[in-house]
Amino acid sequence: MKPHGEYKIELMNNIVHVFPSGGFNEQGIIQLHKKIASIAPHDKPWALLEHPKNIAGLTPEAVEELINSYQNLGKLNCVAAGLEVSSTWRRVFETLIVGKVDIPVYLNSDSEKLEQLIKQKLDCA
């Protein structure tokens, strides 16, 4: 199946920012997380900050792949992930993802608060 979902991705210092949009299937998550791994720092701890807000969605298979991807990113020096999500998606992620991966996953609708949490985690790494 063809990858679904679009994104913009930026590396700012040691934080990879992802701005996804549209509906993501399993292949779309695989493609996105390969790109994240390719631009993430390889020689120091880093963090992931995703900004899906209300403009990106996931198929059930994509949720499973997201869990796998977070596990793999943890093996590549990723010390935390943050997701800028609305209260609706927050509940979904709390139920389906948080606690199922080895790295902390922070959820908030305020990107500045997320970035502060992530920077604190990076400072301790």
PDB file of N, CA and C in Angstrom:
ATOM      1  N   MET A   1       0.836  -1.178   0.000  1.00  0.00           N
ATOM      2  CA  MET A   1       0.000   0.000   0.000  1.00  0.00           C
ATOM      3  C   MET A   1       0.887   1.249   0.000  1.00  0.00           C
ATOM      4  N   LYS A   2       0.420   2.265  -0.637  1.00  0.00           N
ATOM      5  CA  LYS A   2       1.140   3.524  -0.747  1.00  0.00           C
ATOM      6  C   LYS A   2       1.082   4.288   0.583  1.00  0.00           C
ATOM      7  N   PRO A   3       2.206   4.956   0.973  1.00  0.00           N
ATOM      8  CA  PRO A   3       2.194   5.748   2.206  1.00  0.00           C
ATOM      9  C   PRO A   3       1.206   6.912   2.110  1.00  0.00           C
ATOM     10  N   HIS A   4       0.446   7.114   3.192  1.00  0.00           N
ATOM     11  CA  HIS A   4      -0.489   8.230   3.267  1.00  0.00           C
ATOM     12  C   HIS A   4      -0.070   9.134   4.409  1.00  0.00           C
ATOM     13  N   GLY A   5      -0.290  10.423   4.231  1.00  0.00           N
ATOM     14  CA  GLY A   5       0.059  11.431   5.221  1.00  0.00           C
ATOM     15  C   GLY A   5       1.177  12.311   4.699  1.00  0.00           C
ATOM     16  N   GLU A   6       1.098  13.586   5.027  1.00  0.00           N
ATOM     17  CA  GLU A   6       2.122  14.533   4.598  1.00  0.00           C
ATOM     18  C   GLU A   6       2.748  15.169   5.820  1.00  0.00           C
ATOM     19  N   TYR A   7       3.953  15.696   5.651  1.00  0.00           N
ATOM     20  CA  TYR A   7       4.632  16.293   6.791  1.00  0.00           C
ATOM     21  C   TYR A   7       5.723  17.250   6.341  1.00  0.00           C
ATOM     22  N   LYS A   8       6.043  18.140   7.252  1.00  0.00           N
ATOM     23  CA  LYS A   8       7.214  19.002   7.152  1.00  0.00           C
ATOM     24  C   LYS A   8       8.057  18.638   8.367  1.00  0.00           C
ATOM     25  N   ILE A   9       9.360  18.606   8.207  1.00  0.00           N
ATOM     26  CA  ILE A   9      10.227  18.178   9.295  1.00  0.00           C
ATOM     27  C   ILE A   9      11.428  19.111   9.388  1.00  0.00           C
ATOM     28  N   GLU A  10      11.794  19.489  10.628  1.00  0.00           N
ATOM     29  CA  GLU A  10      12.912  20.398  10.852  1.00  0.00           C
ATOM     30  C   GLU A  10      13.713  19.935  12.061  1.00  0.00           C
ATOM     31  N   LEU A  11      15.019  20.085  11.981  1.00  0.00           N
ATOM     32  CA  LEU A  11      15.887  19.835  13.128  1.00  0.00           C
ATOM     33  C   LEU A  11      16.309  21.191  13.669  1.00  0.00           C
ATOM     34  N   MET A  12      15.932  21.466  14.927  1.00  0.00           N
ATOM     35  CA  MET A  12      16.317  22.712  15.592  1.00  0.00           C
ATOM     36  C   MET A  12      17.110  22.336  16.840  1.00  0.00           C
ATOM     37  N   ASN A  13      18.415  22.591  16.786  1.00  0.00           N
ATOM     38  CA  ASN A  13      19.335  22.150  17.839  1.00  0.00           C
ATOM     39  C   ASN A  13      19.226  20.633  17.957  1.00  0.00           C
ATOM     40  N   ASN A  14      18.803  20.117  19.091  1.00  0.00           N
ATOM     41  CA  ASN A  14      18.690  18.663  19.217  1.00  0.00           C
ATOM     42  C   ASN A  14      17.229  18.227  19.389  1.00  0.00           C
ATOM     43  N   ILE A  15      16.332  18.994  18.790  1.00  0.00           N
ATOM     44  CA  ILE A  15      14.908  18.636  18.781  1.00  0.00           C
ATOM     45  C   ILE A  15      14.437  18.527  17.330  1.00  0.00           C
ATOM     46  N   VAL A  16      13.882  17.373  16.992  1.00  0.00           N
ATOM     47  CA  VAL A  16      13.303  17.161  15.665  1.00  0.00           C
ATOM     48  C   VAL A  16      11.827  17.561  15.755  1.00  0.00           C
ATOM     49  N   HIS A  17      11.444  18.577  14.982  1.00  0.00           N
ATOM     50  CA  HIS A  17      10.058  19.042  14.929  1.00  0.00           C
ATOM     51  C   HIS A  17       9.395  18.456  13.686  1.00  0.00           C
ATOM     52  N   VAL A  18       8.221  17.884  13.878  1.00  0.00           N
ATOM     53  CA  VAL A  18       7.468  17.302  12.773  1.00  0.00           C
ATOM     54  C   VAL A  18       6.091  17.957  12.737  1.00  0.00           C
ATOM     55  N   PHE A  19       5.691  18.390  11.552  1.00  0.00           N
ATOM     56  CA  PHE A  19       4.396  19.023  11.345  1.00  0.00           C
ATOM     57  C   PHE A  19       3.591  18.166  10.366  1.00  0.00           C
ATOM     58  N   PRO A  20       2.888  17.145  10.901  1.00  0.00           N
ATOM     59  CA  PRO A  20       2.133  16.246  10.031  1.00  0.00           C
ATOM     60  C   PRO A  20       0.766  16.829   9.661  1.00  0.00           C
ATOM     61  N   SER A  21       0.240  16.378   8.534  1.00  0.00           N
ATOM     62  CA  SER A  21      -1.123  16.742   8.141  1.00  0.00           C
ATOM     63  C   SER A  21      -1.715  15.600   7.327  1.00  0.00           C
ATOM     64  N   GLY A  22      -3.024  15.512   7.376  1.00  0.00           N
ATOM     65  CA  GLY A  22      -3.714  14.454   6.651  1.00  0.00           C
ATOM     66  C   GLY A  22      -3.773  13.163   7.438  1.00  0.00           C
ATOM     67  N   GLY A  23      -4.300  12.137   6.801  1.00  0.00           N
ATOM     68  CA  GLY A  23      -4.440  10.841   7.440  1.00  0.00           C
ATOM     69  C   GLY A  23      -3.230   9.964   7.178  1.00  0.00           C
ATOM     70  N   PHE A  24      -2.664   9.402   8.237  1.00  0.00           N
ATOM     71  CA  PHE A  24      -1.493   8.535   8.119  1.00  0.00           C
ATOM     72  C   PHE A  24      -1.901   7.078   8.243  1.00  0.00           C
ATOM     73  N   ASN A  25      -1.407   6.282   7.307  1.00  0.00           N
ATOM     74  CA  ASN A  25      -1.538   4.831   7.426  1.00  0.00           C
ATOM     75  C   ASN A  25      -0.210   4.273   7.939  1.00  0.00           C
ATOM     76  N   GLU A  26      -0.132   2.966   8.080  1.00  0.00           N
ATOM     77  CA  GLU A  26       1.068   2.311   8.595  1.00  0.00           C
ATOM     78  C   GLU A  26       2.304   2.669   7.772  1.00  0.00           C
ATOM     79  N   GLN A  27       2.196   2.628   6.464  1.00  0.00           N
ATOM     80  CA  GLN A  27       3.328   2.923   5.592  1.00  0.00           C
ATOM     81  C   GLN A  27       3.743   4.390   5.705  1.00  0.00           C
ATOM     82  N   GLY A  28       2.781   5.277   5.919  1.00  0.00           N
ATOM     83  CA  GLY A  28       3.094   6.688   6.104  1.00  0.00           C
ATOM     84  C   GLY A  28       3.899   6.927   7.368  1.00  0.00           C
ATOM     85  N   ILE A  29       3.552   6.223   8.443  1.00  0.00           N
ATOM     86  CA  ILE A  29       4.307   6.340   9.702  1.00  0.00           C
ATOM     87  C   ILE A  29       5.721   5.774   9.520  1.00  0.00           C
ATOM     88  N   ILE A  30       5.837   4.656   8.836  1.00  0.00           N
ATOM     89  CA  ILE A  30       7.158   4.067   8.581  1.00  0.00           C
ATOM     90  C   ILE A  30       8.028   5.054   7.815  1.00  0.00           C
ATOM     91  N   GLN A  31       7.486   5.628   6.755  1.00  0.00           N
ATOM     92  CA  GLN A  31       8.227   6.585   5.936  1.00  0.00           C
ATOM     93  C   GLN A  31       8.643   7.806   6.764  1.00  0.00           C
ATOM     94  N   LEU A  32       7.709   8.351   7.536  1.00  0.00           N
ATOM     95  CA  LEU A  32       7.993   9.523   8.359  1.00  0.00           C
ATOM     96  C   LEU A  32       9.090   9.230   9.384  1.00  0.00           C
ATOM     97  N   HIS A  33       9.002   8.117  10.077  1.00  0.00           N
ATOM     98  CA  HIS A  33       9.961   7.834  11.125  1.00  0.00           C
ATOM     99  C   HIS A  33      11.335   7.439  10.574  1.00  0.00           C
ATOM    100  N   LYS A  34      11.406   6.937   9.352  1.00  0.00           N
ATOM    101  CA  LYS A  34      12.708   6.743   8.695  1.00  0.00           C
ATOM    102  C   LYS A  34      13.360   8.101   8.441  1.00  0.00           C
ATOM    103  N   LYS A  35      12.557   9.055   8.014  1.00  0.00           N
ATOM    104  CA  LYS A  35      13.065  10.411   7.774  1.00  0.00           C
ATOM    105  C   LYS A  35      13.529  11.044   9.084  1.00  0.00           C
ATOM    106  N   ILE A  36      12.746  10.876  10.165  1.00  0.00           N
ATOM    107  CA  ILE A  36      13.141  11.403  11.478  1.00  0.00           C
ATOM    108  C   ILE A  36      14.493  10.825  11.876  1.00  0.00           C
ATOM    109  N   ALA A  37      14.634   9.512  11.770  1.00  0.00           N
ATOM    110  CA  ALA A  37      15.886   8.846  12.150  1.00  0.00           C
ATOM    111  C   ALA A  37      17.051   9.335  11.298  1.00  0.00           C
ATOM    112  N   SER A  38      16.799   9.679  10.054  1.00  0.00           N
ATOM    113  CA  SER A  38      17.890  10.099   9.176  1.00  0.00           C
ATOM    114  C   SER A  38      18.394  11.510   9.484  1.00  0.00           C
ATOM    115  N   ILE A  39      17.546  12.381  10.044  1.00  0.00           N
ATOM    116  CA  ILE A  39      18.011  13.748  10.325  1.00  0.00           C
ATOM    117  C   ILE A  39      18.321  13.987  11.805  1.00  0.00           C
ATOM    118  N   ALA A  40      17.945  13.057  12.660  1.00  0.00           N
ATOM    119  CA  ALA A  40      18.204  13.217  14.093  1.00  0.00           C
ATOM    120  C   ALA A  40      19.702  13.157  14.375  1.00  0.00           C
ATOM    121  N   PRO A  41      20.158  13.881  15.413  1.00  0.00           N
ATOM    122  CA  PRO A  41      21.578  13.797  15.778  1.00  0.00           C
ATOM    123  C   PRO A  41      21.952  12.353  16.133  1.00  0.00           C
ATOM    124  N   HIS A  42      23.106  11.922  15.679  1.00  0.00           N
ATOM    125  CA  HIS A  42      23.541  10.551  15.943  1.00  0.00           C
ATOM    126  C   HIS A  42      24.553  10.480  17.075  1.00  0.00           C
ATOM    127  N   ASP A  43      25.081  11.634  17.477  1.00  0.00           N
ATOM    128  CA  ASP A  43      26.174  11.646  18.453  1.00  0.00           C
ATOM    129  C   ASP A  43      25.791  12.239  19.807  1.00  0.00           C
ATOM    130  N   LYS A  44      24.507  12.545  20.009  1.00  0.00           N
ATOM    131  CA  LYS A  44      24.075  13.121  21.280  1.00  0.00           C
ATOM    132  C   LYS A  44      22.589  12.847  21.488  1.00  0.00           C
ATOM    133  N   PRO A  45      22.117  12.967  22.723  1.00  0.00           N
ATOM    134  CA  PRO A  45      20.685  12.783  22.977  1.00  0.00           C
ATOM    135  C   PRO A  45      19.864  13.840  22.229  1.00  0.00           C
ATOM    136  N   TRP A  46      18.689  13.455  21.813  1.00  0.00           N
ATOM    137  CA  TRP A  46      17.793  14.347  21.096  1.00  0.00           C
ATOM    138  C   TRP A  46      16.358  14.004  21.484  1.00  0.00           C
ATOM    139  N   ALA A  47      15.434  14.840  21.047  1.00  0.00           N
ATOM    140  CA  ALA A  47      14.018  14.620  21.349  1.00  0.00           C
ATOM    141  C   ALA A  47      13.183  14.882  20.105  1.00  0.00           C
ATOM    142  N   LEU A  48      11.983  14.350  20.137  1.00  0.00           N
ATOM    143  CA  LEU A  48      11.025  14.487  19.046  1.00  0.00           C
ATOM    144  C   LEU A  48       9.867  15.335  19.528  1.00  0.00           C
ATOM    145  N   LEU A  49       9.488  16.334  18.744  1.00  0.00           N
ATOM    146  CA  LEU A  49       8.319  17.151  19.049  1.00  0.00           C
ATOM    147  C   LEU A  49       7.437  17.184  17.813  1.00  0.00           C
ATOM    148  N   GLU A  50       6.297  16.496  17.917  1.00  0.00           N
ATOM    149  CA  GLU A  50       5.364  16.412  16.797  1.00  0.00           C
ATOM    150  C   GLU A  50       4.207  17.376  17.030  1.00  0.00           C
ATOM    151  N   HIS A  51       3.755  18.002  15.961  1.00  0.00           N
ATOM    152  CA  HIS A  51       2.713  19.024  16.024  1.00  0.00           C
ATOM    153  C   HIS A  51       1.501  18.630  15.162  1.00  0.00           C
ATOM    154  N   PRO A  52       0.846  17.508  15.476  1.00  0.00           N
ATOM    155  CA  PRO A  52      -0.293  17.110  14.646  1.00  0.00           C
ATOM    156  C   PRO A  52      -1.541  17.954  14.872  1.00  0.00           C
ATOM    157  N   LYS A  53      -1.639  18.605  16.042  1.00  0.00           N
ATOM    158  CA  LYS A  53      -2.809  19.416  16.408  1.00  0.00           C
ATOM    159  C   LYS A  53      -4.076  18.658  16.042  1.00  0.00           C
ATOM    160  N   ASN A  54      -4.931  19.271  15.248  1.00  0.00           N
ATOM    161  CA  ASN A  54      -6.169  18.610  14.792  1.00  0.00           C
ATOM    162  C   ASN A  54      -6.151  18.365  13.285  1.00  0.00           C
ATOM    163  N   ILE A  55      -4.971  18.439  12.666  1.00  0.00           N
ATOM    164  CA  ILE A  55      -4.920  18.341  11.203  1.00  0.00           C
ATOM    165  C   ILE A  55      -4.280  17.060  10.702  1.00  0.00           C
ATOM    166  N   ALA A  56      -4.009  16.112  11.621  1.00  0.00           N
ATOM    167  CA  ALA A  56      -3.456  14.824  11.220  1.00  0.00           C
ATOM    168  C   ALA A  56      -4.195  13.720  11.963  1.00  0.00           C
ATOM    169  N   GLY A  57      -4.332  12.588  11.319  1.00  0.00           N
ATOM    170  CA  GLY A  57      -5.002  11.447  11.934  1.00  0.00           C
ATOM    171  C   GLY A  57      -4.250  10.161  11.651  1.00  0.00           C
ATOM    172  N   LEU A  58      -4.699   9.083  12.299  1.00  0.00           N
ATOM    173  CA  LEU A  58      -4.028   7.795  12.197  1.00  0.00           C
ATOM    174  C   LEU A  58      -5.031   6.672  11.987  1.00  0.00           C
ATOM    175  N   THR A  59      -4.683   5.717  11.138  1.00  0.00           N
ATOM    176  CA  THR A  59      -5.461   4.490  11.047  1.00  0.00           C
ATOM    177  C   THR A  59      -5.072   3.614  12.245  1.00  0.00           C
ATOM    178  N   PRO A  60      -5.876   2.602  12.580  1.00  0.00           N
ATOM    179  CA  PRO A  60      -5.501   1.707  13.689  1.00  0.00           C
ATOM    180  C   PRO A  60      -4.134   1.052  13.488  1.00  0.00           C
ATOM    181  N   GLU A  61      -3.804   0.683  12.261  1.00  0.00           N
ATOM    182  CA  GLU A  61      -2.503   0.081  11.970  1.00  0.00           C
ATOM    183  C   GLU A  61      -1.382   1.095  12.161  1.00  0.00           C
ATOM    184  N   ALA A  62      -1.670   2.356  11.872  1.00  0.00           N
ATOM    185  CA  ALA A  62      -0.676   3.410  12.045  1.00  0.00           C
ATOM    186  C   ALA A  62      -0.361   3.618  13.524  1.00  0.00           C
ATOM    187  N   VAL A  63      -1.351   3.455  14.391  1.00  0.00           N
ATOM    188  CA  VAL A  63      -1.116   3.590  15.832  1.00  0.00           C
ATOM    189  C   VAL A  63      -0.123   2.532  16.289  1.00  0.00           C
ATOM    190  N   GLU A  64      -0.312   1.295  15.853  1.00  0.00           N
ATOM    191  CA  GLU A  64       0.620   0.218  16.217  1.00  0.00           C
ATOM    192  C   GLU A  64       2.022   0.518  15.702  1.00  0.00           C
ATOM    193  N   GLU A  65       2.108   1.030  14.480  1.00  0.00           N
ATOM    194  CA  GLU A  65       3.417   1.351  13.908  1.00  0.00           C
ATOM    195  C   GLU A  65       4.046   2.533  14.639  1.00  0.00           C
ATOM    196  N   LEU A  66       3.230   3.466  15.111  1.00  0.00           N
ATOM    197  CA  LEU A  66       3.744   4.599  15.877  1.00  0.00           C
ATOM    198  C   LEU A  66       4.400   4.114  17.169  1.00  0.00           C
ATOM    199  N   ILE A  67       3.778   3.171  17.836  1.00  0.00           N
ATOM    200  CA  ILE A  67       4.364   2.579  19.045  1.00  0.00           C
ATOM    201  C   ILE A  67       5.713   1.941  18.710  1.00  0.00           C
ATOM    202  N   ASN A  68       5.765   1.145  17.652  1.00  0.00           N
ATOM    203  CA  ASN A  68       7.024   0.519  17.220  1.00  0.00           C
ATOM    204  C   ASN A  68       8.087   1.559  16.883  1.00  0.00           C
ATOM    205  N   SER A  69       7.663   2.617  16.210  1.00  0.00           N
ATOM    206  CA  SER A  69       8.600   3.661  15.804  1.00  0.00           C
ATOM    207  C   SER A  69       9.184   4.383  17.006  1.00  0.00           C
ATOM    208  N   TYR A  70       8.349   4.705  17.993  1.00  0.00           N
ATOM    209  CA  TYR A  70       8.854   5.355  19.206  1.00  0.00           C
ATOM    210  C   TYR A  70       9.847   4.445  19.920  1.00  0.00           C
ATOM    211  N   GLN A  71       9.564   3.158  19.957  1.00  0.00           N
ATOM    212  CA  GLN A  71      10.499   2.211  20.575  1.00  0.00           C
ATOM    213  C   GLN A  71      11.842   2.249  19.843  1.00  0.00           C
ATOM    214  N   ASN A  72      11.800   2.252  18.532  1.00  0.00           N
ATOM    215  CA  ASN A  72      13.032   2.277  17.742  1.00  0.00           C
ATOM    216  C   ASN A  72      13.785   3.589  17.901  1.00  0.00           C
ATOM    217  N   LEU A  73      13.066   4.714  17.975  1.00  0.00           N
ATOM    218  CA  LEU A  73      13.729   5.999  18.146  1.00  0.00           C
ATOM    219  C   LEU A  73      14.445   6.058  19.493  1.00  0.00           C
ATOM    220  N   GLY A  74      13.863   5.425  20.503  1.00  0.00           N
ATOM    221  CA  GLY A  74      14.505   5.359  21.808  1.00  0.00           C
ATOM    222  C   GLY A  74      15.863   4.682  21.744  1.00  0.00           C
ATOM    223  N   LYS A  75      16.024   3.746  20.825  1.00  0.00           N
ATOM    224  CA  LYS A  75      17.296   3.049  20.647  1.00  0.00           C
ATOM    225  C   LYS A  75      18.312   3.907  19.886  1.00  0.00           C
ATOM    226  N   LEU A  76      17.842   5.034  19.331  1.00  0.00           N
ATOM    227  CA  LEU A  76      18.702   5.930  18.550  1.00  0.00           C
ATOM    228  C   LEU A  76      18.989   7.229  19.304  1.00  0.00           C
ATOM    229  N   ASN A  77      19.018   7.177  20.631  1.00  0.00           N
ATOM    230  CA  ASN A  77      19.310   8.333  21.491  1.00  0.00           C
ATOM    231  C   ASN A  77      18.158   9.316  21.657  1.00  0.00           C
ATOM    232  N   CYS A  78      16.959   8.994  21.228  1.00  0.00           N
ATOM    233  CA  CYS A  78      15.806   9.858  21.479  1.00  0.00           C
ATOM    234  C   CYS A  78      15.403   9.664  22.942  1.00  0.00           C
ATOM    235  N   VAL A  79      15.400  10.756  23.712  1.00  0.00           N
ATOM    236  CA  VAL A  79      15.135  10.649  25.146  1.00  0.00           C
ATOM    237  C   VAL A  79      13.687  10.981  25.517  1.00  0.00           C
ATOM    238  N   ALA A  80      12.929  11.584  24.595  1.00  0.00           N
ATOM    239  CA  ALA A  80      11.535  11.933  24.881  1.00  0.00           C
ATOM    240  C   ALA A  80      10.824  12.305  23.592  1.00  0.00           C
ATOM    241  N   ALA A  81       9.504  12.170  23.637  1.00  0.00           N
ATOM    242  CA  ALA A  81       8.660  12.608  22.524  1.00  0.00           C
ATOM    243  C   ALA A  81       7.554  13.482  23.087  1.00  0.00           C
ATOM    244  N   GLY A  82       7.227  14.514  22.359  1.00  0.00           N
ATOM    245  CA  GLY A  82       6.117  15.383  22.726  1.00  0.00           C
ATOM    246  C   GLY A  82       5.150  15.476  21.576  1.00  0.00           C
ATOM    247  N   LEU A  83       3.868  15.483  21.904  1.00  0.00           N
ATOM    248  CA  LEU A  83       2.836  15.599  20.879  1.00  0.00           C
ATOM    249  C   LEU A  83       1.926  16.764  21.215  1.00  0.00           C
ATOM    250  N   GLU A  84       1.876  17.742  20.313  1.00  0.00           N
ATOM    251  CA  GLU A  84       0.976  18.880  20.462  1.00  0.00           C
ATOM    252  C   GLU A  84      -0.382  18.461  19.898  1.00  0.00           C
ATOM    253  N   VAL A  85      -1.289  18.098  20.809  1.00  0.00           N
ATOM    254  CA  VAL A  85      -2.579  17.565  20.392  1.00  0.00           C
ATOM    255  C   VAL A  85      -3.714  18.226  21.170  1.00  0.00           C
ATOM    256  N   SER A  86      -4.895  18.189  20.582  1.00  0.00           N
ATOM    257  CA  SER A  86      -6.091  18.694  21.249  1.00  0.00           C
ATOM    258  C   SER A  86      -6.513  17.725  22.341  1.00  0.00           C
ATOM    259  N   SER A  87      -7.452  18.139  23.161  1.00  0.00           N
ATOM    260  CA  SER A  87      -7.919  17.280  24.252  1.00  0.00           C
ATOM    261  C   SER A  87      -8.525  15.980  23.722  1.00  0.00           C
ATOM    262  N   THR A  88      -9.160  16.016  22.563  1.00  0.00           N
ATOM    263  CA  THR A  88      -9.741  14.809  21.977  1.00  0.00           C
ATOM    264  C   THR A  88      -8.650  13.784  21.665  1.00  0.00           C
ATOM    265  N   TRP A  89      -7.608  14.211  20.961  1.00  0.00           N
ATOM    266  CA  TRP A  89      -6.522  13.299  20.601  1.00  0.00           C
ATOM    267  C   TRP A  89      -5.683  12.935  21.812  1.00  0.00           C
ATOM    268  N   ARG A  90      -5.617  13.837  22.789  1.00  0.00           N
ATOM    269  CA  ARG A  90      -4.831  13.554  23.990  1.00  0.00           C
ATOM    270  C   ARG A  90      -5.325  12.278  24.668  1.00  0.00           C
ATOM    271  N   ARG A  91      -6.628  12.157  24.802  1.00  0.00           N
ATOM    272  CA  ARG A  91      -7.210  10.974  25.433  1.00  0.00           C
ATOM    273  C   ARG A  91      -6.884   9.705  24.642  1.00  0.00           C
ATOM    274  N   VAL A  92      -6.934   9.803  23.338  1.00  0.00           N
ATOM    275  CA  VAL A  92      -6.616   8.658  22.480  1.00  0.00           C
ATOM    276  C   VAL A  92      -5.161   8.237  22.682  1.00  0.00           C
ATOM    277  N   PHE A  93      -4.239   9.211  22.651  1.00  0.00           N
ATOM    278  CA  PHE A  93      -2.823   8.893  22.817  1.00  0.00           C
ATOM    279  C   PHE A  93      -2.514   8.385  24.218  1.00  0.00           C
ATOM    280  N   GLU A  94      -3.160   8.955  25.225  1.00  0.00           N
ATOM    281  CA  GLU A  94      -2.944   8.470  26.592  1.00  0.00           C
ATOM    282  C   GLU A  94      -3.332   6.995  26.703  1.00  0.00           C
ATOM    283  N   THR A  95      -4.421   6.636  26.078  1.00  0.00           N
ATOM    284  CA  THR A  95      -4.923   5.268  26.139  1.00  0.00           C
ATOM    285  C   THR A  95      -4.097   4.301  25.299  1.00  0.00           C
ATOM    286  N   LEU A  96      -3.749   4.713  24.083  1.00  0.00           N
ATOM    287  CA  LEU A  96      -3.144   3.788  23.130  1.00  0.00           C
ATOM    288  C   LEU A  96      -1.622   3.774  23.086  1.00  0.00           C
ATOM    289  N   ILE A  97      -0.955   4.855  23.521  1.00  0.00           N
ATOM    290  CA  ILE A  97       0.485   4.931  23.311  1.00  0.00           C
ATOM    291  C   ILE A  97       1.276   5.142  24.599  1.00  0.00           C
ATOM    292  N   VAL A  98       0.909   6.146  25.396  1.00  0.00           N
ATOM    293  CA  VAL A  98       1.671   6.455  26.607  1.00  0.00           C
ATOM    294  C   VAL A  98       1.704   5.210  27.502  1.00  0.00           C
ATOM    295  N   GLY A  99       2.860   4.893  27.996  1.00  0.00           N
ATOM    296  CA  GLY A  99       3.013   3.708  28.836  1.00  0.00           C
ATOM    297  C   GLY A  99       3.361   2.453  28.066  1.00  0.00           C
ATOM    298  N   LYS A 100       3.282   2.498  26.736  1.00  0.00           N
ATOM    299  CA  LYS A 100       3.623   1.330  25.923  1.00  0.00           C
ATOM    300  C   LYS A 100       4.980   1.470  25.252  1.00  0.00           C
ATOM    301  N   VAL A 101       5.661   2.582  25.537  1.00  0.00           N
ATOM    302  CA  VAL A 101       6.989   2.811  24.970  1.00  0.00           C
ATOM    303  C   VAL A 101       7.971   3.108  26.091  1.00  0.00           C
ATOM    304  N   ASP A 102       9.248   2.932  25.801  1.00  0.00           N
ATOM    305  CA  ASP A 102      10.286   3.085  26.815  1.00  0.00           C
ATOM    306  C   ASP A 102      10.722   4.524  27.041  1.00  0.00           C
ATOM    307  N   ILE A 103      10.343   5.435  26.161  1.00  0.00           N
ATOM    308  CA  ILE A 103      10.702   6.843  26.357  1.00  0.00           C
ATOM    309  C   ILE A 103       9.472   7.595  26.867  1.00  0.00           C
ATOM    310  N   PRO A 104       9.677   8.680  27.617  1.00  0.00           N
ATOM    311  CA  PRO A 104       8.520   9.472  28.042  1.00  0.00           C
ATOM    312  C   PRO A 104       7.834  10.114  26.839  1.00  0.00           C
ATOM    313  N   VAL A 105       6.516  10.106  26.858  1.00  0.00           N
ATOM    314  CA  VAL A 105       5.724  10.756  25.815  1.00  0.00           C
ATOM    315  C   VAL A 105       4.856  11.801  26.503  1.00  0.00           C
ATOM    316  N   TYR A 106       5.090  13.060  26.162  1.00  0.00           N
ATOM    317  CA  TYR A 106       4.349  14.174  26.750  1.00  0.00           C
ATOM    318  C   TYR A 106       3.265  14.632  25.794  1.00  0.00           C
ATOM    319  N   LEU A 107       2.098  14.928  26.342  1.00  0.00           N
ATOM    320  CA  LEU A 107       0.957  15.362  25.545  1.00  0.00           C
ATOM    321  C   LEU A 107       0.460  16.698  26.077  1.00  0.00           C
ATOM    322  N   ASN A 108       0.259  17.648  25.167  1.00  0.00           N
ATOM    323  CA  ASN A 108      -0.255  18.947  25.578  1.00  0.00           C
ATOM    324  C   ASN A 108      -0.716  19.691  24.336  1.00  0.00           C
ATOM    325  N   SER A 109      -1.618  20.645  24.516  1.00  0.00           N
ATOM    326  CA  SER A 109      -2.049  21.474  23.389  1.00  0.00           C
ATOM    327  C   SER A 109      -1.184  22.727  23.264  1.00  0.00           C
ATOM    328  N   ASP A 110      -0.283  22.937  24.213  1.00  0.00           N
ATOM    329  CA  ASP A 110       0.598  24.105  24.232  1.00  0.00           C
ATOM    330  C   ASP A 110       2.016  23.683  23.846  1.00  0.00           C
ATOM    331  N   SER A 111       2.453  24.072  22.654  1.00  0.00           N
ATOM    332  CA  SER A 111       3.764  23.639  22.167  1.00  0.00           C
ATOM    333  C   SER A 111       4.907  24.194  23.010  1.00  0.00           C
ATOM    334  N   GLU A 112       4.743  25.384  23.592  1.00  0.00           N
ATOM    335  CA  GLU A 112       5.798  25.942  24.437  1.00  0.00           C
ATOM    336  C   GLU A 112       5.999  25.107  25.697  1.00  0.00           C
ATOM    337  N   LYS A 113       4.908  24.661  26.304  1.00  0.00           N
ATOM    338  CA  LYS A 113       5.007  23.806  27.490  1.00  0.00           C
ATOM    339  C   LYS A 113       5.677  22.475  27.134  1.00  0.00           C
ATOM    340  N   LEU A 114       5.307  21.934  25.993  1.00  0.00           N
ATOM    341  CA  LEU A 114       5.930  20.685  25.552  1.00  0.00           C
ATOM    342  C   LEU A 114       7.427  20.855  25.356  1.00  0.00           C
ATOM    343  N   GLU A 115       7.800  21.954  24.710  1.00  0.00           N
ATOM    344  CA  GLU A 115       9.218  22.183  24.451  1.00  0.00           C
ATOM    345  C   GLU A 115       9.979  22.344  25.774  1.00  0.00           C
ATOM    346  N   GLN A 116       9.388  22.985  26.760  1.00  0.00           N
ATOM    347  CA  GLN A 116      10.038  23.119  28.069  1.00  0.00           C
ATOM    348  C   GLN A 116      10.248  21.747  28.711  1.00  0.00           C
ATOM    349  N   LEU A 117       9.219  20.893  28.681  1.00  0.00           N
ATOM    350  CA  LEU A 117       9.348  19.549  29.251  1.00  0.00           C
ATOM    351  C   LEU A 117      10.457  18.755  28.556  1.00  0.00           C
ATOM    352  N   ILE A 118      10.482  18.863  27.246  1.00  0.00           N
ATOM    353  CA  ILE A 118      11.476  18.130  26.462  1.00  0.00           C
ATOM    354  C   ILE A 118      12.882  18.648  26.752  1.00  0.00           C
ATOM    355  N   LYS A 119      13.035  19.957  26.824  1.00  0.00           N
ATOM    356  CA  LYS A 119      14.353  20.523  27.115  1.00  0.00           C
ATOM    357  C   LYS A 119      14.839  20.093  28.507  1.00  0.00           C
ATOM    358  N   GLN A 120      13.925  20.022  29.479  1.00  0.00           N
ATOM    359  CA  GLN A 120      14.301  19.545  30.809  1.00  0.00           C
ATOM    360  C   GLN A 120      14.808  18.114  30.732  1.00  0.00           C
ATOM    361  N   LYS A 121      14.118  17.292  29.961  1.00  0.00           N
ATOM    362  CA  LYS A 121      14.540  15.888  29.802  1.00  0.00           C
ATOM    363  C   LYS A 121      15.896  15.807  29.115  1.00  0.00           C
ATOM    364  N   LEU A 122      16.115  16.657  28.113  1.00  0.00           N
ATOM    365  CA  LEU A 122      17.406  16.674  27.419  1.00  0.00           C
ATOM    366  C   LEU A 122      18.530  17.136  28.342  1.00  0.00           C
ATOM    367  N   ASP A 123      18.255  18.107  29.207  1.00  0.00           N
ATOM    368  CA  ASP A 123      19.260  18.602  30.136  1.00  0.00           C
ATOM    369  C   ASP A 123      19.710  17.507  31.107  1.00  0.00           C
ATOM    370  N   CYS A 124      18.830  16.578  31.402  1.00  0.00           N
ATOM    371  CA  CYS A 124      19.149  15.488  32.338  1.00  0.00           C
ATOM    372  C   CYS A 124      19.835  14.310  31.654  1.00  0.00           C
ATOM    373  N   ALA A 125      19.806  14.315  30.324  1.00  0.00           N
ATOM    374  CA  ALA A 125      20.356  13.170  29.578  1.00  0.00           C
ATOM    375  C   ALA A 125      21.866  13.240  29.452  1.00  0.00           C
TER     376      ALA A 125
END
